[in-house]
Amino acid sequence: MTKEEVSQAVIAIINDILPEGDCSDINPDERLRDQLDLDSMDFLDIVMELRKQYGVEVPEEDYQQLATLSSCIKYLEPKMK
């Protein structure tokens, strides 16, 4: 997957989990939790959907690498090829 496809995949998962959230103006370098009011359960749902939809395992020690959209793309792109 390209960086753009990874970005779209992450945003689609977030939209499924937070249908009331607005992902149209996400700042890629700002923490997703702060922009979208994600709680820890929402974040775990995102991680679980990545595994379910794309077979990507994200160990707990790597959760920090999913803090922003930019860091998600950097972390997930090689895993989603």
N, C-alpha and C. Protein backbone atom coordinates (compact mmCIF):
# COMPACT_ATOMS: atom_id res chain seq x y z
N MET A 1 0.84 -1.19 0.00
CA MET A 1 0.00 0.00 0.00
C MET A 1 0.88 1.25 0.00
N THR A 2 0.38 2.28 -0.66
CA THR A 2 1.10 3.56 -0.66
C THR A 2 0.80 4.31 0.64
N LYS A 3 1.54 5.36 0.86
CA LYS A 3 1.29 6.19 2.06
C LYS A 3 -0.14 6.72 2.06
N GLU A 4 -0.60 7.15 0.89
CA GLU A 4 -1.97 7.67 0.78
C GLU A 4 -3.00 6.59 1.09
N GLU A 5 -2.78 5.38 0.60
CA GLU A 5 -3.70 4.28 0.87
C GLU A 5 -3.71 3.91 2.36
N VAL A 6 -2.53 3.95 2.98
CA VAL A 6 -2.46 3.68 4.42
C VAL A 6 -3.23 4.75 5.18
N SER A 7 -3.03 5.99 4.79
CA SER A 7 -3.74 7.11 5.42
C SER A 7 -5.25 6.93 5.29
N GLN A 8 -5.71 6.60 4.10
CA GLN A 8 -7.14 6.40 3.87
C GLN A 8 -7.67 5.22 4.68
N ALA A 9 -6.88 4.17 4.81
CA ALA A 9 -7.30 3.00 5.59
C ALA A 9 -7.46 3.36 7.06
N VAL A 10 -6.50 4.11 7.59
CA VAL A 10 -6.57 4.51 9.01
C VAL A 10 -7.77 5.42 9.23
N ILE A 11 -7.97 6.38 8.34
CA ILE A 11 -9.11 7.29 8.47
C ILE A 11 -10.44 6.54 8.35
N ALA A 12 -10.51 5.57 7.46
CA ALA A 12 -11.74 4.77 7.33
C ALA A 12 -12.03 4.00 8.62
N ILE A 13 -11.01 3.44 9.23
CA ILE A 13 -11.20 2.72 10.49
C ILE A 13 -11.67 3.69 11.57
N ILE A 14 -11.06 4.85 11.64
CA ILE A 14 -11.47 5.85 12.65
C ILE A 14 -12.91 6.26 12.41
N ASN A 15 -13.29 6.48 11.14
CA ASN A 15 -14.67 6.86 10.83
C ASN A 15 -15.66 5.78 11.23
N ASP A 16 -15.27 4.51 11.10
CA ASP A 16 -16.14 3.41 11.52
C ASP A 16 -16.32 3.40 13.03
N ILE A 17 -15.25 3.68 13.74
CA ILE A 17 -15.28 3.63 15.21
C ILE A 17 -15.93 4.87 15.79
N LEU A 18 -15.67 6.01 15.18
CA LEU A 18 -16.21 7.29 15.64
C LEU A 18 -17.01 7.95 14.53
N PRO A 19 -18.19 7.45 14.22
CA PRO A 19 -18.95 8.03 13.10
C PRO A 19 -19.25 9.51 13.30
N GLU A 20 -19.29 9.96 14.55
CA GLU A 20 -19.56 11.38 14.80
C GLU A 20 -18.30 12.22 14.71
N GLY A 21 -17.14 11.57 14.64
CA GLY A 21 -15.87 12.29 14.51
C GLY A 21 -15.70 12.85 13.12
N ASP A 22 -15.01 13.96 13.03
CA ASP A 22 -14.76 14.59 11.74
C ASP A 22 -13.29 14.43 11.38
N CYS A 23 -13.02 13.56 10.43
CA CYS A 23 -11.64 13.29 10.02
C CYS A 23 -11.22 14.12 8.82
N SER A 24 -12.07 15.01 8.35
CA SER A 24 -11.78 15.75 7.13
C SER A 24 -10.64 16.75 7.29
N ASP A 25 -10.43 17.23 8.50
CA ASP A 25 -9.38 18.23 8.68
C ASP A 25 -8.35 17.80 9.74
N ILE A 26 -8.02 16.53 9.72
CA ILE A 26 -7.03 16.01 10.66
C ILE A 26 -5.67 16.62 10.33
N ASN A 27 -5.02 17.14 11.35
CA ASN A 27 -3.64 17.58 11.20
C ASN A 27 -2.77 16.33 11.36
N PRO A 28 -2.02 15.94 10.33
CA PRO A 28 -1.29 14.67 10.38
C PRO A 28 -0.20 14.63 11.45
N ASP A 29 0.19 15.79 11.97
CA ASP A 29 1.26 15.83 12.96
C ASP A 29 0.78 16.07 14.38
N GLU A 30 -0.53 16.16 14.57
CA GLU A 30 -1.10 16.33 15.90
C GLU A 30 -1.64 15.00 16.41
N ARG A 31 -1.60 14.81 17.72
CA ARG A 31 -2.07 13.55 18.30
C ARG A 31 -3.54 13.31 17.94
N LEU A 32 -3.82 12.10 17.46
CA LEU A 32 -5.20 11.74 17.09
C LEU A 32 -6.12 11.79 18.30
N ARG A 33 -5.62 11.34 19.44
CA ARG A 33 -6.46 11.34 20.65
C ARG A 33 -6.94 12.74 20.98
N ASP A 34 -6.07 13.73 20.82
CA ASP A 34 -6.43 15.11 21.14
C ASP A 34 -7.39 15.70 20.10
N GLN A 35 -7.18 15.37 18.85
CA GLN A 35 -8.02 15.94 17.78
C GLN A 35 -9.41 15.34 17.76
N LEU A 36 -9.51 14.06 18.08
CA LEU A 36 -10.78 13.35 17.91
C LEU A 36 -11.41 12.89 19.21
N ASP A 37 -10.82 13.29 20.33
CA ASP A 37 -11.30 12.86 21.64
C ASP A 37 -11.40 11.34 21.75
N LEU A 38 -10.37 10.65 21.28
CA LEU A 38 -10.32 9.19 21.38
C LEU A 38 -10.01 8.80 22.81
N ASP A 39 -10.74 7.84 23.33
CA ASP A 39 -10.38 7.30 24.63
C ASP A 39 -9.59 6.00 24.40
N SER A 40 -9.15 5.38 25.47
CA SER A 40 -8.30 4.20 25.32
C SER A 40 -9.04 3.05 24.65
N MET A 41 -10.33 2.91 24.87
CA MET A 41 -11.09 1.85 24.21
C MET A 41 -11.20 2.11 22.70
N ASP A 42 -11.40 3.36 22.31
CA ASP A 42 -11.44 3.71 20.89
C ASP A 42 -10.11 3.35 20.24
N PHE A 43 -9.02 3.69 20.93
CA PHE A 43 -7.69 3.41 20.39
C PHE A 43 -7.49 1.90 20.22
N LEU A 44 -7.90 1.13 21.21
CA LEU A 44 -7.78 -0.33 21.11
C LEU A 44 -8.64 -0.87 19.98
N ASP A 45 -9.81 -0.28 19.77
CA ASP A 45 -10.66 -0.68 18.65
C ASP A 45 -9.95 -0.45 17.31
N ILE A 46 -9.22 0.65 17.21
CA ILE A 46 -8.47 0.94 15.98
C ILE A 46 -7.41 -0.14 15.77
N VAL A 47 -6.68 -0.46 16.83
CA VAL A 47 -5.64 -1.49 16.75
C VAL A 47 -6.24 -2.84 16.35
N MET A 48 -7.38 -3.17 16.93
CA MET A 48 -8.04 -4.44 16.62
C MET A 48 -8.52 -4.48 15.17
N GLU A 49 -9.03 -3.37 14.67
CA GLU A 49 -9.48 -3.30 13.28
C GLU A 49 -8.31 -3.42 12.31
N LEU A 50 -7.17 -2.85 12.66
CA LEU A 50 -5.99 -3.01 11.81
C LEU A 50 -5.62 -4.48 11.68
N ARG A 51 -5.72 -5.19 12.80
CA ARG A 51 -5.41 -6.62 12.77
C ARG A 51 -6.46 -7.38 11.97
N LYS A 52 -7.72 -7.07 12.22
CA LYS A 52 -8.82 -7.78 11.57
C LYS A 52 -8.85 -7.54 10.05
N GLN A 53 -8.73 -6.28 9.65
CA GLN A 53 -8.87 -5.94 8.24
C GLN A 53 -7.60 -6.14 7.42
N TYR A 54 -6.44 -5.95 8.06
CA TYR A 54 -5.19 -5.95 7.30
C TYR A 54 -4.15 -6.94 7.82
N GLY A 55 -4.47 -7.66 8.88
CA GLY A 55 -3.54 -8.64 9.42
C GLY A 55 -2.31 -8.03 10.07
N VAL A 56 -2.41 -6.77 10.48
CA VAL A 56 -1.28 -6.06 11.08
C VAL A 56 -1.36 -6.19 12.60
N GLU A 57 -0.34 -6.80 13.16
CA GLU A 57 -0.23 -6.92 14.62
C GLU A 57 0.55 -5.72 15.14
N VAL A 58 -0.02 -5.00 16.09
CA VAL A 58 0.66 -3.88 16.70
C VAL A 58 0.87 -4.22 18.17
N PRO A 59 2.12 -4.57 18.55
CA PRO A 59 2.37 -4.88 19.96
C PRO A 59 2.16 -3.64 20.83
N GLU A 60 1.79 -3.88 22.07
CA GLU A 60 1.48 -2.79 22.99
C GLU A 60 2.63 -1.79 23.10
N GLU A 61 3.86 -2.29 23.05
CA GLU A 61 5.01 -1.37 23.17
C GLU A 61 5.15 -0.44 21.96
N ASP A 62 4.43 -0.71 20.88
CA ASP A 62 4.47 0.14 19.69
C ASP A 62 3.29 1.11 19.60
N TYR A 63 2.39 1.08 20.56
CA TYR A 63 1.21 1.94 20.49
C TYR A 63 1.57 3.42 20.33
N GLN A 64 2.67 3.86 20.95
CA GLN A 64 3.09 5.26 20.84
C GLN A 64 3.34 5.66 19.40
N GLN A 65 3.70 4.70 18.56
CA GLN A 65 3.99 5.00 17.16
C GLN A 65 2.73 5.24 16.35
N LEU A 66 1.57 5.08 16.98
CA LEU A 66 0.29 5.35 16.32
C LEU A 66 -0.35 6.62 16.85
N ALA A 67 0.44 7.50 17.43
CA ALA A 67 -0.10 8.70 18.07
C ALA A 67 -0.67 9.72 17.09
N THR A 68 0.02 9.91 15.97
CA THR A 68 -0.44 10.87 14.96
C THR A 68 -0.70 10.14 13.65
N LEU A 69 -1.39 10.79 12.74
CA LEU A 69 -1.63 10.17 11.44
C LEU A 69 -0.30 9.95 10.72
N SER A 70 0.60 10.92 10.80
CA SER A 70 1.91 10.77 10.16
C SER A 70 2.68 9.59 10.72
N SER A 71 2.67 9.45 12.05
CA SER A 71 3.41 8.33 12.65
C SER A 71 2.73 7.00 12.34
N CYS A 72 1.41 7.00 12.23
CA CYS A 72 0.69 5.78 11.83
C CYS A 72 1.14 5.33 10.44
N ILE A 73 1.19 6.28 9.53
CA ILE A 73 1.59 5.96 8.15
C ILE A 73 3.02 5.42 8.13
N LYS A 74 3.91 6.11 8.82
CA LYS A 74 5.32 5.68 8.86
C LYS A 74 5.45 4.27 9.43
N TYR A 75 4.70 3.98 10.48
CA TYR A 75 4.78 2.67 11.14
C TYR A 75 4.09 1.58 10.32
N LEU A 76 2.92 1.91 9.76
CA LEU A 76 2.10 0.87 9.11
C LEU A 76 2.47 0.60 7.66
N GLU A 77 3.00 1.58 6.94
CA GLU A 77 3.26 1.38 5.51
C GLU A 77 4.09 0.12 5.22
N PRO A 78 5.22 -0.11 5.91
CA PRO A 78 5.98 -1.32 5.59
C PRO A 78 5.23 -2.60 5.98
N LYS A 79 4.36 -2.52 6.97
CA LYS A 79 3.63 -3.70 7.44
C LYS A 79 2.44 -4.03 6.53
N MET A 80 1.99 -3.06 5.75
CA MET A 80 0.79 -3.23 4.93
C MET A 80 1.14 -3.40 3.45
N LYS A 81 2.38 -3.64 3.13
CA LYS A 81 2.79 -3.83 1.72
C LYS A 81 2.31 -5.15 1.19
